[in-house]
C-alpha atoms as a PDB file:
ATOM      1  CA  MET A   1      -7.261 -47.422  19.810  1.00  0.00           C
ATOM      2  CA  GLU A   2      -5.031 -44.378  19.458  1.00  0.00           C
ATOM      3  CA  PHE A   3      -1.259 -44.774  19.676  1.00  0.00           C
ATOM      4  CA  PHE A   4      -0.301 -41.201  19.009  1.00  0.00           C
ATOM      5  CA  LYS A   5      -2.190 -38.084  19.896  1.00  0.00           C
ATOM      6  CA  ILE A   6      -2.113 -35.909  16.801  1.00  0.00           C
ATOM      7  CA  LYS A   7      -2.444 -32.227  17.457  1.00  0.00           C
ATOM      8  CA  LYS A   8      -4.684 -30.811  14.759  1.00  0.00           C
ATOM      9  CA  ASP A   9      -3.918 -27.134  15.151  1.00  0.00           C
ATOM     10  CA  ILE A  10      -0.464 -25.664  14.809  1.00  0.00           C
ATOM     11  CA  PRO A  11       0.027 -22.303  16.537  1.00  0.00           C
ATOM     12  CA  PHE A  12       1.980 -20.607  13.729  1.00  0.00           C
ATOM     13  CA  MET A  13       1.389 -17.131  15.100  1.00  0.00           C
ATOM     14  CA  SER A  14       3.013 -18.038  18.420  1.00  0.00           C
ATOM     15  CA  TYR A  15       6.302 -18.233  16.511  1.00  0.00           C
ATOM     16  CA  GLY A  16       5.712 -14.890  14.776  1.00  0.00           C
ATOM     17  CA  ARG A  17       8.279 -12.874  16.703  1.00  0.00           C
ATOM     18  CA  LEU A  18      10.952 -15.515  16.307  1.00  0.00           C
ATOM     19  CA  THR A  19      10.426 -16.000  12.570  1.00  0.00           C
ATOM     20  CA  THR A  20      10.157 -12.261  11.951  1.00  0.00           C
ATOM     21  CA  SER A  21      13.421 -11.713  13.839  1.00  0.00           C
ATOM     22  CA  ILE A  22      15.161 -14.421  11.838  1.00  0.00           C
ATOM     23  CA  SER A  23      13.799 -13.000   8.602  1.00  0.00           C
ATOM     24  CA  LEU A  24      14.871  -9.453   9.473  1.00  0.00           C
ATOM     25  CA  LEU A  25      18.350 -10.614  10.503  1.00  0.00           C
ATOM     26  CA  THR A  26      18.717 -12.597   7.271  1.00  0.00           C
ATOM     27  CA  PHE A  27      17.563  -9.606   5.207  1.00  0.00           C
ATOM     28  CA  ILE A  28      20.020  -7.242   6.921  1.00  0.00           C
ATOM     29  CA  LEU A  29      22.885  -9.724   6.488  1.00  0.00           C
ATOM     30  CA  ALA A  30      21.986 -10.153   2.809  1.00  0.00           C
ATOM     31  CA  ILE A  31      22.150  -6.394   2.232  1.00  0.00           C
ATOM     32  CA  PHE A  32      25.447  -6.215   4.147  1.00  0.00           C
ATOM     33  CA  PHE A  33      27.045  -8.958   2.028  1.00  0.00           C
ATOM     34  CA  LEU A  34      25.732  -7.458  -1.199  1.00  0.00           C
ATOM     35  CA  PHE A  35      27.441  -4.161  -0.416  1.00  0.00           C
ATOM     36  CA  SER A  36      30.584  -5.512   1.264  1.00  0.00           C
ATOM     37  CA  ARG A  37      31.440  -8.494  -0.955  1.00  0.00           C
ATOM     38  CA  GLY A  38      29.356  -7.975  -4.067  1.00  0.00           C
ATOM     39  CA  LEU A  39      28.414 -10.731  -6.478  1.00  0.00           C
ATOM     40  CA  ASN A  40      30.912 -13.183  -7.968  1.00  0.00           C
ATOM     41  CA  LEU A  41      30.078 -12.600 -11.626  1.00  0.00           C
ATOM     42  CA  SER A  42      30.473 -15.482 -14.072  1.00  0.00           C
ATOM     43  CA  VAL A  43      32.161 -15.449 -17.450  1.00  0.00           C
ATOM     44  CA  GLU A  44      28.976 -14.182 -19.119  1.00  0.00           C
ATOM     45  CA  PHE A  45      29.070 -11.025 -17.027  1.00  0.00           C
ATOM     46  CA  THR A  46      32.814 -10.427 -16.960  1.00  0.00           C
ATOM     47  CA  GLY A  47      33.042 -10.402 -20.740  1.00  0.00           C
ATOM     48  CA  GLY A  48      35.625 -13.136 -21.134  1.00  0.00           C
ATOM     49  CA  THR A  49      35.647 -16.684 -22.334  1.00  0.00           C
ATOM     50  CA  LEU A  50      37.930 -19.587 -21.678  1.00  0.00           C
ATOM     51  CA  MET A  51      39.813 -18.817 -24.926  1.00  0.00           C
ATOM     52  CA  GLU A  52      41.478 -15.735 -23.422  1.00  0.00           C
ATOM     53  CA  VAL A  53      39.377 -13.476 -25.627  1.00  0.00           C
ATOM     54  CA  GLN A  54      37.813 -10.604 -23.743  1.00  0.00           C
ATOM     55  CA  TYR A  55      34.966  -8.298 -24.660  1.00  0.00           C
ATOM     56  CA  PRO A  56      34.550  -5.706 -21.866  1.00  0.00           C
ATOM     57  CA  GLN A  57      31.298  -3.572 -23.497  1.00  0.00           C
ATOM     58  CA  VAL A  58      29.596  -7.246 -23.792  1.00  0.00           C
ATOM     59  CA  GLY A  59      30.227  -8.242 -20.062  1.00  0.00           C
ATOM     60  CA  ARG A  60      29.272  -4.802 -18.834  1.00  0.00           C
ATOM     61  CA  ASP A  61      26.244  -4.779 -21.120  1.00  0.00           C
ATOM     62  CA  LEU A  62      25.091  -8.141 -19.810  1.00  0.00           C
ATOM     63  CA  VAL A  63      25.497  -6.996 -16.212  1.00  0.00           C
ATOM     64  CA  ASN A  64      23.657  -3.749 -16.913  1.00  0.00           C
ATOM     65  CA  ASN A  65      20.911  -5.471 -18.915  1.00  0.00           C
ATOM     66  CA  GLY A  66      20.508  -8.195 -16.286  1.00  0.00           C
ATOM     67  CA  LEU A  67      20.253  -5.686 -13.463  1.00  0.00           C
ATOM     68  CA  MET A  68      17.880  -3.567 -15.531  1.00  0.00           C
ATOM     69  CA  ALA A  69      15.760  -6.665 -16.182  1.00  0.00           C
ATOM     70  CA  ILE A  70      15.507  -7.359 -12.464  1.00  0.00           C
ATOM     71  CA  ALA A  71      14.804  -3.672 -11.759  1.00  0.00           C
ATOM     72  CA  PHE A  72      12.110  -3.399 -14.457  1.00  0.00           C
ATOM     73  CA  VAL A  73      10.457  -6.619 -13.336  1.00  0.00           C
ATOM     74  CA  CYS A  74      10.508  -5.435  -9.720  1.00  0.00           C
ATOM     75  CA  ILE A  75       9.105  -2.018 -10.668  1.00  0.00           C
ATOM     76  CA  GLY A  76       6.432  -3.613 -12.842  1.00  0.00           C
ATOM     77  CA  ILE A  77       5.467  -5.966 -10.041  1.00  0.00           C
ATOM     78  CA  MET A  78       5.350  -3.079  -7.575  1.00  0.00           C
ATOM     79  CA  ILE A  79       3.046  -1.126  -9.880  1.00  0.00           C
ATOM     80  CA  TYR A  80       0.850  -4.187 -10.397  1.00  0.00           C
ATOM     81  CA  LEU A  81       0.597  -4.905  -6.676  1.00  0.00           C
ATOM     82  CA  ALA A  82      -0.028  -1.240  -5.879  1.00  0.00           C
ATOM     83  CA  LEU A  83      -2.932  -1.171  -8.335  1.00  0.00           C
ATOM     84  CA  ARG A  84      -4.266  -4.598  -7.343  1.00  0.00           C
ATOM     85  CA  PHE A  85      -4.491  -4.114  -3.576  1.00  0.00           C
ATOM     86  CA  GLU A  86      -5.151  -1.468  -0.996  1.00  0.00           C
ATOM     87  CA  TRP A  87      -2.014   0.408  -0.007  1.00  0.00           C
ATOM     88  CA  ARG A  88      -1.404  -1.593   3.178  1.00  0.00           C
ATOM     89  CA  PHE A  89      -1.599  -4.908   1.334  1.00  0.00           C
ATOM     90  CA  ALA A  90       0.442  -3.538  -1.553  1.00  0.00           C
ATOM     91  CA  VAL A  91       3.255  -2.401   0.736  1.00  0.00           C
ATOM     92  CA  ALA A  92       3.343  -5.775   2.487  1.00  0.00           C
ATOM     93  CA  ALA A  93       3.304  -7.668  -0.825  1.00  0.00           C
ATOM     94  CA  ILE A  94       6.091  -5.508  -2.266  1.00  0.00           C
ATOM     95  CA  LEU A  95       8.232  -6.003   0.842  1.00  0.00           C
ATOM     96  CA  ALA A  96       7.639  -9.757   0.749  1.00  0.00           C
ATOM     97  CA  ASN A  97       8.688  -9.967  -2.905  1.00  0.00           C
ATOM     98  CA  MET A  98      11.778  -7.812  -2.462  1.00  0.00           C
ATOM     99  CA  HIS A  99      12.645  -9.812   0.676  1.00  0.00           C
ATOM    100  CA  ASP A 100      12.887 -13.009  -1.375  1.00  0.00           C
ATOM    101  CA  VAL A 101      15.088 -11.505  -4.085  1.00  0.00           C
ATOM    102  CA  VAL A 102      17.415  -9.651  -1.702  1.00  0.00           C
ATOM    103  CA  ILE A 103      18.005 -12.737   0.446  1.00  0.00           C
ATOM    104  CA  ILE A 104      18.845 -14.857  -2.606  1.00  0.00           C
ATOM    105  CA  LEU A 105      21.254 -12.227  -3.913  1.00  0.00           C
ATOM    106  CA  GLY A 106      22.711 -11.862  -0.426  1.00  0.00           C
ATOM    107  CA  CYS A 107      23.402 -15.599  -0.224  1.00  0.00           C
ATOM    108  CA  PHE A 108      25.224 -15.448  -3.551  1.00  0.00           C
ATOM    109  CA  ALA A 109      27.279 -12.517  -2.269  1.00  0.00           C
ATOM    110  CA  ALA A 110      27.994 -14.081   1.146  1.00  0.00           C
ATOM    111  CA  PHE A 111      29.161 -17.440  -0.184  1.00  0.00           C
ATOM    112  CA  GLN A 112      30.654 -15.975  -3.382  1.00  0.00           C
ATOM    113  CA  TRP A 113      28.774 -18.447  -5.536  1.00  0.00           C
ATOM    114  CA  GLU A 114      29.044 -17.756  -9.239  1.00  0.00           C
ATOM    115  CA  PHE A 115      26.326 -15.424 -10.493  1.00  0.00           C
ATOM    116  CA  SER A 116      25.495 -16.443 -14.066  1.00  0.00           C
ATOM    117  CA  LEU A 117      22.717 -15.956 -16.587  1.00  0.00           C
ATOM    118  CA  THR A 118      21.090 -19.143 -15.311  1.00  0.00           C
ATOM    119  CA  VAL A 119      21.028 -17.707 -11.791  1.00  0.00           C
ATOM    120  CA  LEU A 120      19.563 -14.465 -13.149  1.00  0.00           C
ATOM    121  CA  ALA A 121      16.793 -16.448 -14.845  1.00  0.00           C
ATOM    122  CA  ALA A 122      16.194 -18.384 -11.622  1.00  0.00           C
ATOM    123  CA  ILE A 123      15.890 -15.158  -9.610  1.00  0.00           C
ATOM    124  CA  LEU A 124      13.347 -13.832 -12.089  1.00  0.00           C
ATOM    125  CA  ALA A 125      11.455 -17.137 -11.772  1.00  0.00           C
ATOM    126  CA  VAL A 126      11.504 -16.873  -7.970  1.00  0.00           C
ATOM    127  CA  LEU A 127      10.166 -13.348  -8.284  1.00  0.00           C
ATOM    128  CA  GLY A 128       7.343 -14.626 -10.489  1.00  0.00           C
ATOM    129  CA  TYR A 129       6.436 -17.357  -8.016  1.00  0.00           C
ATOM    130  CA  SER A 130       6.647 -14.875  -5.160  1.00  0.00           C
ATOM    131  CA  VAL A 131       4.222 -12.537  -6.916  1.00  0.00           C
ATOM    132  CA  ASN A 132       1.805 -15.389  -7.495  1.00  0.00           C
ATOM    133  CA  GLU A 133       2.016 -16.379  -3.852  1.00  0.00           C
ATOM    134  CA  SER A 134       1.523 -12.784  -2.696  1.00  0.00           C
ATOM    135  CA  VAL A 135      -1.536 -12.326  -4.875  1.00  0.00           C
ATOM    136  CA  VAL A 136      -3.102 -15.565  -3.650  1.00  0.00           C
ATOM    137  CA  VAL A 137      -2.376 -14.850   0.023  1.00  0.00           C
ATOM    138  CA  PHE A 138      -3.474 -11.216  -0.031  1.00  0.00           C
ATOM    139  CA  ASP A 139      -6.614 -12.024  -2.019  1.00  0.00           C
ATOM    140  CA  ARG A 140      -7.490 -14.515   0.684  1.00  0.00           C
ATOM    141  CA  ILE A 141      -6.778 -11.919   3.406  1.00  0.00           C
ATOM    142  CA  ARG A 142      -8.902  -9.372   1.575  1.00  0.00           C
ATOM    143  CA  GLU A 143     -11.771 -11.875   1.377  1.00  0.00           C
ATOM    144  CA  ASN A 144     -11.526 -12.551   5.107  1.00  0.00           C
ATOM    145  CA  PHE A 145     -11.654  -8.834   5.905  1.00  0.00           C
ATOM    146  CA  ARG A 146     -14.956  -8.544   4.086  1.00  0.00           C
END
């Protein structure tokens, strides 16, 4: 006896246009908020502490080093993906990885959440997971093309 009819196939691709539109809109809004509002930098990045002591070279250095860390990781990942896959897969994987990071940064800019060293570490972790996911997915796609 069957009480509920369970549909065994889910037509994910039928929602492709909708999800791509939502993703593109989110990406564009994230870039807009990053440029219009900027990030709300925490005490680590502003160079001050709660004791009213300020070190401006230190805050600026942390911001510059943090952004350089993200940039170097992104560039390294782009080089890795470009060497690992054919150019069409590499471009798609790079866009997918940058999509994740830009949307996270855009949310922090839009809502003016505090951007701290912990958040920076979390973004680098997300980037690592995103690379792993991209490699797994595009390896599977490459296998299916063969």
